[in-house]
Amino acid sequence: MPTRPLRPARLALAGALVVVPLSACSFSSDNVSCSGSQCTVKLEGNGASANILGNEIGFAGTKDGRAGLSLGDASVTCAQGESVSLGPLSLTCTTVTADSVELTASAG
């Protein structure tokens, strides 16, 4: 029984099926980098925001070493090294400066 070579369309579809799930696992933009269900983000300047795991997180500046963060109507503050919950996200503020915050976010 002769074998038929795979058609280019089948090869392209197979390649797309392999690439799509891998690209959904991690991404990076100017201030957000995600891998799996965890993201790191740096927000600089009062009013900065970023979309993290489908949630728009806003930065309300810092006061007394605590960063102000918001998601919709909810808001929290966190100090460097502190973990807090904000909506569906668990956040850890890794670095807090006078005008920025770096944090790690995960779902749940």
PDB file of N, CA and C in Angstrom:
ATOM      1  N   MET A   1       0.838  -1.159   0.000  1.00  0.00           N
ATOM      2  CA  MET A   1       0.000   0.000   0.000  1.00  0.00           C
ATOM      3  C   MET A   1       0.893   1.234   0.000  1.00  0.00           C
ATOM      4  N   PRO A   2       0.766   2.093  -1.013  1.00  0.00           N
ATOM      5  CA  PRO A   2       1.617   3.282  -1.076  1.00  0.00           C
ATOM      6  C   PRO A   2       1.186   4.312  -0.041  1.00  0.00           C
ATOM      7  N   THR A   3       2.162   5.026   0.483  1.00  0.00           N
ATOM      8  CA  THR A   3       1.850   6.087   1.451  1.00  0.00           C
ATOM      9  C   THR A   3       1.763   7.404   0.715  1.00  0.00           C
ATOM     10  N   ARG A   4       0.853   8.250   1.162  1.00  0.00           N
ATOM     11  CA  ARG A   4       0.704   9.564   0.546  1.00  0.00           C
ATOM     12  C   ARG A   4       1.457  10.588   1.381  1.00  0.00           C
ATOM     13  N   PRO A   5       2.176  11.464   0.744  1.00  0.00           N
ATOM     14  CA  PRO A   5       2.851  12.506   1.521  1.00  0.00           C
ATOM     15  C   PRO A   5       1.808  13.450   2.124  1.00  0.00           C
ATOM     16  N   LEU A   6       2.126  14.006   3.279  1.00  0.00           N
ATOM     17  CA  LEU A   6       1.229  14.966   3.911  1.00  0.00           C
ATOM     18  C   LEU A   6       1.153  16.223   3.068  1.00  0.00           C
ATOM     19  N   ARG A   7      -0.008  16.728   2.922  1.00  0.00           N
ATOM     20  CA  ARG A   7      -0.199  17.949   2.148  1.00  0.00           C
ATOM     21  C   ARG A   7       0.273  19.145   2.978  1.00  0.00           C
ATOM     22  N   PRO A   8       0.729  20.206   2.310  1.00  0.00           N
ATOM     23  CA  PRO A   8       1.187  21.389   3.046  1.00  0.00           C
ATOM     24  C   PRO A   8       0.137  21.953   4.009  1.00  0.00           C
ATOM     25  N   ALA A   9      -1.135  21.919   3.633  1.00  0.00           N
ATOM     26  CA  ALA A   9      -2.173  22.447   4.518  1.00  0.00           C
ATOM     27  C   ALA A   9      -2.243  21.655   5.818  1.00  0.00           C
ATOM     28  N   ARG A  10      -2.095  20.339   5.721  1.00  0.00           N
ATOM     29  CA  ARG A  10      -2.109  19.511   6.929  1.00  0.00           C
ATOM     30  C   ARG A  10      -0.903  19.813   7.807  1.00  0.00           C
ATOM     31  N   LEU A  11       0.243  19.998   7.178  1.00  0.00           N
ATOM     32  CA  LEU A  11       1.443  20.327   7.949  1.00  0.00           C
ATOM     33  C   LEU A  11       1.293  21.682   8.633  1.00  0.00           C
ATOM     34  N   ALA A  12       0.736  22.659   7.929  1.00  0.00           N
ATOM     35  CA  ALA A  12       0.549  23.987   8.524  1.00  0.00           C
ATOM     36  C   ALA A  12      -0.413  23.917   9.704  1.00  0.00           C
ATOM     37  N   LEU A  13      -1.495  23.159   9.559  1.00  0.00           N
ATOM     38  CA  LEU A  13      -2.457  23.017  10.644  1.00  0.00           C
ATOM     39  C   LEU A  13      -1.811  22.334  11.842  1.00  0.00           C
ATOM     40  N   ALA A  14      -1.059  21.292  11.614  1.00  0.00           N
ATOM     41  CA  ALA A  14      -0.379  20.593  12.713  1.00  0.00           C
ATOM     42  C   ALA A  14       0.602  21.529  13.403  1.00  0.00           C
ATOM     43  N   GLY A  15       1.334  22.323  12.636  1.00  0.00           N
ATOM     44  CA  GLY A  15       2.269  23.275  13.223  1.00  0.00           C
ATOM     45  C   GLY A  15       1.563  24.329  14.047  1.00  0.00           C
ATOM     46  N   ALA A  16       0.416  24.813  13.560  1.00  0.00           N
ATOM     47  CA  ALA A  16      -0.345  25.819  14.293  1.00  0.00           C
ATOM     48  C   ALA A  16      -0.873  25.258  15.602  1.00  0.00           C
ATOM     49  N   LEU A  17      -1.295  24.013  15.604  1.00  0.00           N
ATOM     50  CA  LEU A  17      -1.805  23.410  16.825  1.00  0.00           C
ATOM     51  C   LEU A  17      -0.726  23.276  17.885  1.00  0.00           C
ATOM     52  N   VAL A  18       0.496  23.089  17.460  1.00  0.00           N
ATOM     53  CA  VAL A  18       1.594  22.989  18.414  1.00  0.00           C
ATOM     54  C   VAL A  18       1.988  24.365  18.933  1.00  0.00           C
ATOM     55  N   VAL A  19       2.012  25.379  18.083  1.00  0.00           N
ATOM     56  CA  VAL A  19       2.463  26.718  18.460  1.00  0.00           C
ATOM     57  C   VAL A  19       1.448  27.455  19.328  1.00  0.00           C
ATOM     58  N   VAL A  20       0.170  27.360  19.029  1.00  0.00           N
ATOM     59  CA  VAL A  20      -0.836  28.136  19.745  1.00  0.00           C
ATOM     60  C   VAL A  20      -0.833  27.857  21.242  1.00  0.00           C
ATOM     61  N   PRO A  21      -0.877  26.607  21.704  1.00  0.00           N
ATOM     62  CA  PRO A  21      -0.868  26.406  23.151  1.00  0.00           C
ATOM     63  C   PRO A  21       0.400  26.924  23.819  1.00  0.00           C
ATOM     64  N   LEU A  22       1.530  26.805  23.160  1.00  0.00           N
ATOM     65  CA  LEU A  22       2.771  27.272  23.762  1.00  0.00           C
ATOM     66  C   LEU A  22       2.776  28.786  23.903  1.00  0.00           C
ATOM     67  N   SER A  23       2.246  29.500  22.908  1.00  0.00           N
ATOM     68  CA  SER A  23       2.254  30.947  22.984  1.00  0.00           C
ATOM     69  C   SER A  23       1.274  31.456  24.032  1.00  0.00           C
ATOM     70  N   ALA A  24       0.254  30.682  24.372  1.00  0.00           N
ATOM     71  CA  ALA A  24      -0.702  31.099  25.385  1.00  0.00           C
ATOM     72  C   ALA A  24      -0.121  30.996  26.790  1.00  0.00           C
ATOM     73  N   CYS A  25       0.967  30.283  26.963  1.00  0.00           N
ATOM     74  CA  CYS A  25       1.550  30.067  28.283  1.00  0.00           C
ATOM     75  C   CYS A  25       2.399  31.239  28.752  1.00  0.00           C
ATOM     76  N   SER A  26       2.975  31.981  27.842  1.00  0.00           N
ATOM     77  CA  SER A  26       3.818  33.084  28.276  1.00  0.00           C
ATOM     78  C   SER A  26       3.755  34.220  27.270  1.00  0.00           C
ATOM     79  N   PHE A  27       3.898  35.432  27.778  1.00  0.00           N
ATOM     80  CA  PHE A  27       3.975  36.593  26.907  1.00  0.00           C
ATOM     81  C   PHE A  27       4.679  37.705  27.656  1.00  0.00           C
ATOM     82  N   SER A  28       5.040  38.720  26.911  1.00  0.00           N
ATOM     83  CA  SER A  28       5.718  39.852  27.513  1.00  0.00           C
ATOM     84  C   SER A  28       5.330  41.116  26.760  1.00  0.00           C
ATOM     85  N   SER A  29       5.120  42.198  27.485  1.00  0.00           N
ATOM     86  CA  SER A  29       4.897  43.502  26.863  1.00  0.00           C
ATOM     87  C   SER A  29       5.849  44.472  27.540  1.00  0.00           C
ATOM     88  N   ASP A  30       5.623  45.758  27.334  1.00  0.00           N
ATOM     89  CA  ASP A  30       6.549  46.755  27.875  1.00  0.00           C
ATOM     90  C   ASP A  30       6.764  46.620  29.378  1.00  0.00           C
ATOM     91  N   ASN A  31       5.690  46.388  30.133  1.00  0.00           N
ATOM     92  CA  ASN A  31       5.850  46.354  31.578  1.00  0.00           C
ATOM     93  C   ASN A  31       5.280  45.100  32.235  1.00  0.00           C
ATOM     94  N   VAL A  32       4.810  44.130  31.427  1.00  0.00           N
ATOM     95  CA  VAL A  32       4.233  42.899  31.968  1.00  0.00           C
ATOM     96  C   VAL A  32       4.897  41.706  31.314  1.00  0.00           C
ATOM     97  N   SER A  33       5.254  40.725  32.127  1.00  0.00           N
ATOM     98  CA  SER A  33       5.811  39.479  31.622  1.00  0.00           C
ATOM     99  C   SER A  33       5.111  38.331  32.337  1.00  0.00           C
ATOM    100  N   CYS A  34       4.495  37.430  31.560  1.00  0.00           N
ATOM    101  CA  CYS A  34       3.739  36.330  32.152  1.00  0.00           C
ATOM    102  C   CYS A  34       4.276  34.982  31.690  1.00  0.00           C
ATOM    103  N   SER A  35       4.181  34.029  32.579  1.00  0.00           N
ATOM    104  CA  SER A  35       4.506  32.648  32.274  1.00  0.00           C
ATOM    105  C   SER A  35       3.510  31.785  33.027  1.00  0.00           C
ATOM    106  N   GLY A  36       2.724  31.024  32.289  1.00  0.00           N
ATOM    107  CA  GLY A  36       1.687  30.223  32.929  1.00  0.00           C
ATOM    108  C   GLY A  36       0.659  31.135  33.566  1.00  0.00           C
ATOM    109  N   SER A  37       0.376  30.932  34.827  1.00  0.00           N
ATOM    110  CA  SER A  37      -0.629  31.747  35.511  1.00  0.00           C
ATOM    111  C   SER A  37       0.008  32.758  36.462  1.00  0.00           C
ATOM    112  N   GLN A  38       1.284  33.111  36.229  1.00  0.00           N
ATOM    113  CA  GLN A  38       1.968  34.091  37.073  1.00  0.00           C
ATOM    114  C   GLN A  38       2.577  35.178  36.209  1.00  0.00           C
ATOM    115  N   CYS A  39       2.432  36.420  36.651  1.00  0.00           N
ATOM    116  CA  CYS A  39       2.969  37.562  35.910  1.00  0.00           C
ATOM    117  C   CYS A  39       3.803  38.444  36.824  1.00  0.00           C
ATOM    118  N   THR A  40       4.773  39.111  36.242  1.00  0.00           N
ATOM    119  CA  THR A  40       5.503  40.163  36.938  1.00  0.00           C
ATOM    120  C   THR A  40       5.236  41.456  36.181  1.00  0.00           C
ATOM    121  N   VAL A  41       5.123  42.544  36.908  1.00  0.00           N
ATOM    122  CA  VAL A  41       4.799  43.823  36.290  1.00  0.00           C
ATOM    123  C   VAL A  41       5.501  44.948  37.043  1.00  0.00           C
ATOM    124  N   LYS A  42       5.860  45.985  36.304  1.00  0.00           N
ATOM    125  CA  LYS A  42       6.388  47.197  36.917  1.00  0.00           C
ATOM    126  C   LYS A  42       5.482  48.341  36.488  1.00  0.00           C
ATOM    127  N   LEU A  43       4.928  49.044  37.473  1.00  0.00           N
ATOM    128  CA  LEU A  43       4.083  50.200  37.229  1.00  0.00           C
ATOM    129  C   LEU A  43       4.830  51.435  37.707  1.00  0.00           C
ATOM    130  N   GLU A  44       5.006  52.394  36.806  1.00  0.00           N
ATOM    131  CA  GLU A  44       5.746  53.616  37.132  1.00  0.00           C
ATOM    132  C   GLU A  44       4.860  54.828  36.926  1.00  0.00           C
ATOM    133  N   GLY A  45       4.814  55.680  37.924  1.00  0.00           N
ATOM    134  CA  GLY A  45       4.065  56.921  37.836  1.00  0.00           C
ATOM    135  C   GLY A  45       2.621  56.762  38.265  1.00  0.00           C
ATOM    136  N   ASN A  46       2.138  57.732  39.014  1.00  0.00           N
ATOM    137  CA  ASN A  46       0.762  57.741  39.493  1.00  0.00           C
ATOM    138  C   ASN A  46      -0.195  57.629  38.307  1.00  0.00           C
ATOM    139  N   GLY A  47      -1.127  56.702  38.361  1.00  0.00           N
ATOM    140  CA  GLY A  47      -2.090  56.496  37.285  1.00  0.00           C
ATOM    141  C   GLY A  47      -1.686  55.438  36.279  1.00  0.00           C
ATOM    142  N   ALA A  48      -0.488  54.873  36.418  1.00  0.00           N
ATOM    143  CA  ALA A  48      -0.064  53.806  35.503  1.00  0.00           C
ATOM    144  C   ALA A  48      -0.974  52.597  35.693  1.00  0.00           C
ATOM    145  N   SER A  49      -1.149  51.823  34.627  1.00  0.00           N
ATOM    146  CA  SER A  49      -1.975  50.625  34.736  1.00  0.00           C
ATOM    147  C   SER A  49      -1.447  49.553  33.802  1.00  0.00           C
ATOM    148  N   ALA A  50      -1.873  48.322  34.055  1.00  0.00           N
ATOM    149  CA  ALA A  50      -1.475  47.191  33.224  1.00  0.00           C
ATOM    150  C   ALA A  50      -2.555  46.129  33.291  1.00  0.00           C
ATOM    151  N   ASN A  51      -2.704  45.401  32.191  1.00  0.00           N
ATOM    152  CA  ASN A  51      -3.639  44.289  32.146  1.00  0.00           C
ATOM    153  C   ASN A  51      -2.889  43.035  32.574  1.00  0.00           C
ATOM    154  N   ILE A  52      -3.306  42.472  33.704  1.00  0.00           N
ATOM    155  CA  ILE A  52      -2.646  41.296  34.261  1.00  0.00           C
ATOM    156  C   ILE A  52      -3.663  40.178  34.351  1.00  0.00           C
ATOM    157  N   LEU A  53      -3.444  39.118  33.583  1.00  0.00           N
ATOM    158  CA  LEU A  53      -4.322  37.953  33.589  1.00  0.00           C
ATOM    159  C   LEU A  53      -5.783  38.358  33.400  1.00  0.00           C
ATOM    160  N   GLY A  54      -6.015  39.315  32.505  1.00  0.00           N
ATOM    161  CA  GLY A  54      -7.359  39.762  32.193  1.00  0.00           C
ATOM    162  C   GLY A  54      -7.947  40.774  33.155  1.00  0.00           C
ATOM    163  N   ASN A  55      -7.143  41.299  34.060  1.00  0.00           N
ATOM    164  CA  ASN A  55      -7.595  42.281  35.051  1.00  0.00           C
ATOM    165  C   ASN A  55      -6.769  43.551  34.922  1.00  0.00           C
ATOM    166  N   GLU A  56      -7.430  44.699  34.843  1.00  0.00           N
ATOM    167  CA  GLU A  56      -6.740  45.984  34.722  1.00  0.00           C
ATOM    168  C   GLU A  56      -6.384  46.508  36.115  1.00  0.00           C
ATOM    169  N   ILE A  57      -5.088  46.458  36.439  1.00  0.00           N
ATOM    170  CA  ILE A  57      -4.580  46.913  37.733  1.00  0.00           C
ATOM    171  C   ILE A  57      -4.070  48.343  37.572  1.00  0.00           C
ATOM    172  N   GLY A  58      -4.479  49.228  38.475  1.00  0.00           N
ATOM    173  CA  GLY A  58      -4.027  50.608  38.452  1.00  0.00           C
ATOM    174  C   GLY A  58      -3.091  50.892  39.624  1.00  0.00           C
ATOM    175  N   PHE A  59      -2.165  51.828  39.415  1.00  0.00           N
ATOM    176  CA  PHE A  59      -1.202  52.228  40.438  1.00  0.00           C
ATOM    177  C   PHE A  59      -1.550  53.639  40.884  1.00  0.00           C
ATOM    178  N   ALA A  60      -1.776  53.820  42.179  1.00  0.00           N
ATOM    179  CA  ALA A  60      -2.175  55.124  42.730  1.00  0.00           C
ATOM    180  C   ALA A  60      -1.030  55.807  43.468  1.00  0.00           C
ATOM    181  N   GLY A  61       0.207  55.468  43.142  1.00  0.00           N
ATOM    182  CA  GLY A  61       1.352  56.089  43.788  1.00  0.00           C
ATOM    183  C   GLY A  61       1.714  55.411  45.099  1.00  0.00           C
ATOM    184  N   THR A  62       2.696  55.985  45.784  1.00  0.00           N
ATOM    185  CA  THR A  62       3.142  55.422  47.059  1.00  0.00           C
ATOM    186  C   THR A  62       3.036  56.476  48.149  1.00  0.00           C
ATOM    187  N   LYS A  63       2.843  55.977  49.362  1.00  0.00           N
ATOM    188  CA  LYS A  63       2.811  56.844  50.535  1.00  0.00           C
ATOM    189  C   LYS A  63       3.337  56.035  51.707  1.00  0.00           C
ATOM    190  N   ASP A  64       4.296  56.586  52.412  1.00  0.00           N
ATOM    191  CA  ASP A  64       4.889  55.920  53.575  1.00  0.00           C
ATOM    192  C   ASP A  64       5.394  54.518  53.244  1.00  0.00           C
ATOM    193  N   GLY A  65       5.970  54.355  52.048  1.00  0.00           N
ATOM    194  CA  GLY A  65       6.546  53.071  51.655  1.00  0.00           C
ATOM    195  C   GLY A  65       5.536  52.022  51.217  1.00  0.00           C
ATOM    196  N   ARG A  66       4.289  52.429  51.027  1.00  0.00           N
ATOM    197  CA  ARG A  66       3.235  51.505  50.605  1.00  0.00           C
ATOM    198  C   ARG A  66       2.710  51.927  49.242  1.00  0.00           C
ATOM    199  N   ALA A  67       2.557  50.953  48.343  1.00  0.00           N
ATOM    200  CA  ALA A  67       2.040  51.208  47.006  1.00  0.00           C
ATOM    201  C   ALA A  67       0.526  51.049  47.007  1.00  0.00           C
ATOM    202  N   GLY A  68      -0.162  51.992  46.390  1.00  0.00           N
ATOM    203  CA  GLY A  68      -1.611  51.912  46.249  1.00  0.00           C
ATOM    204  C   GLY A  68      -1.964  51.243  44.935  1.00  0.00           C
ATOM    205  N   LEU A  69      -2.787  50.200  44.985  1.00  0.00           N
ATOM    206  CA  LEU A  69      -3.185  49.442  43.800  1.00  0.00           C
ATOM    207  C   LEU A  69      -4.699  49.347  43.761  1.00  0.00           C
ATOM    208  N   SER A  70      -5.261  49.347  42.553  1.00  0.00           N
ATOM    209  CA  SER A  70      -6.711  49.246  42.431  1.00  0.00           C
ATOM    210  C   SER A  70      -7.100  48.309  41.296  1.00  0.00           C
ATOM    211  N   LEU A  71      -8.287  47.751  41.443  1.00  0.00           N
ATOM    212  CA  LEU A  71      -8.900  46.896  40.432  1.00  0.00           C
ATOM    213  C   LEU A  71     -10.397  47.169  40.521  1.00  0.00           C
ATOM    214  N   GLY A  72     -10.940  47.872  39.526  1.00  0.00           N
ATOM    215  CA  GLY A  72     -12.346  48.278  39.598  1.00  0.00           C
ATOM    216  C   GLY A  72     -12.562  49.173  40.800  1.00  0.00           C
ATOM    217  N   ASP A  73     -13.533  48.828  41.640  1.00  0.00           N
ATOM    218  CA  ASP A  73     -13.826  49.609  42.844  1.00  0.00           C
ATOM    219  C   ASP A  73     -12.992  49.189  44.046  1.00  0.00           C
ATOM    220  N   ALA A  74     -12.254  48.107  43.935  1.00  0.00           N
ATOM    221  CA  ALA A  74     -11.453  47.594  45.056  1.00  0.00           C
ATOM    222  C   ALA A  74     -10.064  48.233  45.042  1.00  0.00           C
ATOM    223  N   SER A  75      -9.516  48.466  46.223  1.00  0.00           N
ATOM    224  CA  SER A  75      -8.155  48.993  46.311  1.00  0.00           C
ATOM    225  C   SER A  75      -7.461  48.422  47.541  1.00  0.00           C
ATOM    226  N   VAL A  76      -6.143  48.322  47.443  1.00  0.00           N
ATOM    227  CA  VAL A  76      -5.307  47.840  48.544  1.00  0.00           C
ATOM    228  C   VAL A  76      -4.008  48.626  48.525  1.00  0.00           C
ATOM    229  N   THR A  77      -3.260  48.524  49.606  1.00  0.00           N
ATOM    230  CA  THR A  77      -1.889  49.028  49.632  1.00  0.00           C
ATOM    231  C   THR A  77      -0.996  47.882  50.053  1.00  0.00           C
ATOM    232  N   CYS A  78       0.248  47.936  49.615  1.00  0.00           N
ATOM    233  CA  CYS A  78       1.194  46.905  50.050  1.00  0.00           C
ATOM    234  C   CYS A  78       2.591  47.490  50.147  1.00  0.00           C
ATOM    235  N   ALA A  79       3.329  46.987  51.104  1.00  0.00           N
ATOM    236  CA  ALA A  79       4.716  47.376  51.310  1.00  0.00           C
ATOM    237  C   ALA A  79       5.612  46.360  50.610  1.00  0.00           C
ATOM    238  N   GLN A  80       6.864  46.721  50.431  1.00  0.00           N
ATOM    239  CA  GLN A  80       7.819  45.819  49.805  1.00  0.00           C
ATOM    240  C   GLN A  80       7.870  44.499  50.555  1.00  0.00           C
ATOM    241  N   GLY A  81       7.713  43.386  49.800  1.00  0.00           N
ATOM    242  CA  GLY A  81       7.759  42.051  50.387  1.00  0.00           C
ATOM    243  C   GLY A  81       6.427  41.547  50.903  1.00  0.00           C
ATOM    244  N   GLU A  82       5.413  42.403  50.907  1.00  0.00           N
ATOM    245  CA  GLU A  82       4.099  42.021  51.420  1.00  0.00           C
ATOM    246  C   GLU A  82       3.228  41.409  50.325  1.00  0.00           C
ATOM    247  N   SER A  83       2.390  40.450  50.712  1.00  0.00           N
ATOM    248  CA  SER A  83       1.431  39.834  49.801  1.00  0.00           C
ATOM    249  C   SER A  83       0.017  40.260  50.188  1.00  0.00           C
ATOM    250  N   VAL A  84      -0.791  40.568  49.178  1.00  0.00           N
ATOM    251  CA  VAL A  84      -2.176  40.989  49.384  1.00  0.00           C
ATOM    252  C   VAL A  84      -3.051  40.356  48.311  1.00  0.00           C
ATOM    253  N   SER A  85      -4.359  40.381  48.547  1.00  0.00           N
ATOM    254  CA  SER A  85      -5.323  39.928  47.544  1.00  0.00           C
ATOM    255  C   SER A  85      -6.043  41.143  46.992  1.00  0.00           C
ATOM    256  N   LEU A  86      -6.260  41.146  45.682  1.00  0.00           N
ATOM    257  CA  LEU A  86      -6.991  42.221  45.019  1.00  0.00           C
ATOM    258  C   LEU A  86      -7.883  41.580  43.975  1.00  0.00           C
ATOM    259  N   GLY A  87      -9.178  41.557  44.237  1.00  0.00           N
ATOM    260  CA  GLY A  87     -10.102  40.870  43.339  1.00  0.00           C
ATOM    261  C   GLY A  87      -9.704  39.412  43.231  1.00  0.00           C
ATOM    262  N   PRO A  88      -9.609  38.893  42.007  1.00  0.00           N
ATOM    263  CA  PRO A  88      -9.253  37.489  41.825  1.00  0.00           C
ATOM    264  C   PRO A  88      -7.743  37.219  41.841  1.00  0.00           C
ATOM    265  N   LEU A  89      -6.948  38.240  42.132  1.00  0.00           N
ATOM    266  CA  LEU A  89      -5.494  38.107  42.057  1.00  0.00           C
ATOM    267  C   LEU A  89      -4.831  38.095  43.426  1.00  0.00           C
ATOM    268  N   SER A  90      -3.760  37.338  43.525  1.00  0.00           N
ATOM    269  CA  SER A  90      -2.851  37.389  44.670  1.00  0.00           C
ATOM    270  C   SER A  90      -1.632  38.171  44.209  1.00  0.00           C
ATOM    271  N   LEU A  91      -1.284  39.219  44.937  1.00  0.00           N
ATOM    272  CA  LEU A  91      -0.176  40.095  44.560  1.00  0.00           C
ATOM    273  C   LEU A  91       0.900  40.090  45.622  1.00  0.00           C
ATOM    274  N   THR A  92       2.157  40.119  45.192  1.00  0.00           N
ATOM    275  CA  THR A  92       3.281  40.319  46.089  1.00  0.00           C
ATOM    276  C   THR A  92       4.065  41.513  45.573  1.00  0.00           C
ATOM    277  N   CYS A  93       4.172  42.535  46.385  1.00  0.00           N
ATOM    278  CA  CYS A  93       4.939  43.723  46.011  1.00  0.00           C
ATOM    279  C   CYS A  93       6.415  43.427  46.274  1.00  0.00           C
ATOM    280  N   THR A  94       7.167  43.242  45.216  1.00  0.00           N
ATOM    281  CA  THR A  94       8.575  42.874  45.365  1.00  0.00           C
ATOM    282  C   THR A  94       9.472  44.083  45.574  1.00  0.00           C
ATOM    283  N   THR A  95       9.125  45.213  44.943  1.00  0.00           N
ATOM    284  CA  THR A  95       9.896  46.448  45.104  1.00  0.00           C
ATOM    285  C   THR A  95       8.942  47.632  45.107  1.00  0.00           C
ATOM    286  N   VAL A  96       9.077  48.492  46.094  1.00  0.00           N
ATOM    287  CA  VAL A  96       8.278  49.711  46.169  1.00  0.00           C
ATOM    288  C   VAL A  96       9.247  50.884  46.289  1.00  0.00           C
ATOM    289  N   THR A  97       9.154  51.826  45.333  1.00  0.00           N
ATOM    290  CA  THR A  97       9.973  53.040  45.387  1.00  0.00           C
ATOM    291  C   THR A  97       9.038  54.239  45.486  1.00  0.00           C
ATOM    292  N   ALA A  98       9.605  55.435  45.472  1.00  0.00           N
ATOM    293  CA  ALA A  98       8.805  56.648  45.602  1.00  0.00           C
ATOM    294  C   ALA A  98       7.801  56.819  44.471  1.00  0.00           C
ATOM    295  N   ASP A  99       8.109  56.296  43.266  1.00  0.00           N
ATOM    296  CA  ASP A  99       7.197  56.498  42.128  1.00  0.00           C
ATOM    297  C   ASP A  99       6.904  55.235  41.325  1.00  0.00           C
ATOM    298  N   SER A 100       7.192  54.046  41.872  1.00  0.00           N
ATOM    299  CA  SER A 100       6.923  52.820  41.131  1.00  0.00           C
ATOM    300  C   SER A 100       6.725  51.633  42.072  1.00  0.00           C
ATOM    301  N   VAL A 101       6.158  50.578  41.500  1.00  0.00           N
ATOM    302  CA  VAL A 101       6.012  49.323  42.217  1.00  0.00           C
ATOM    303  C   VAL A 101       6.277  48.191  41.231  1.00  0.00           C
ATOM    304  N   GLU A 102       7.013  47.211  41.677  1.00  0.00           N
ATOM    305  CA  GLU A 102       7.183  45.959  40.937  1.00  0.00           C
ATOM    306  C   GLU A 102       6.464  44.895  41.733  1.00  0.00           C
ATOM    307  N   LEU A 103       5.658  44.088  41.026  1.00  0.00           N
ATOM    308  CA  LEU A 103       4.906  43.067  41.745  1.00  0.00           C
ATOM    309  C   LEU A 103       4.792  41.790  40.943  1.00  0.00           C
ATOM    310  N   THR A 104       4.494  40.727  41.658  1.00  0.00           N
ATOM    311  CA  THR A 104       4.200  39.438  41.061  1.00  0.00           C
ATOM    312  C   THR A 104       2.730  39.166  41.308  1.00  0.00           C
ATOM    313  N   ALA A 105       2.029  38.738  40.274  1.00  0.00           N
ATOM    314  CA  ALA A 105       0.589  38.470  40.385  1.00  0.00           C
ATOM    315  C   ALA A 105       0.293  37.064  39.926  1.00  0.00           C
ATOM    316  N   SER A 106      -0.649  36.434  40.606  1.00  0.00           N
ATOM    317  CA  SER A 106      -1.125  35.122  40.186  1.00  0.00           C
ATOM    318  C   SER A 106      -2.619  35.037  40.441  1.00  0.00           C
ATOM    319  N   ALA A 107      -3.273  34.178  39.702  1.00  0.00           N
ATOM    320  CA  ALA A 107      -4.719  33.995  39.875  1.00  0.00           C
ATOM    321  C   ALA A 107      -4.966  33.247  41.172  1.00  0.00           C
ATOM    322  N   GLY A 108      -5.980  33.716  41.912  1.00  0.00           N
ATOM    323  CA  GLY A 108      -6.363  33.019  43.150  1.00  0.00           C
ATOM    324  C   GLY A 108      -5.603  33.490  44.268  1.00  0.00           C
TER     325      GLY A 108
END
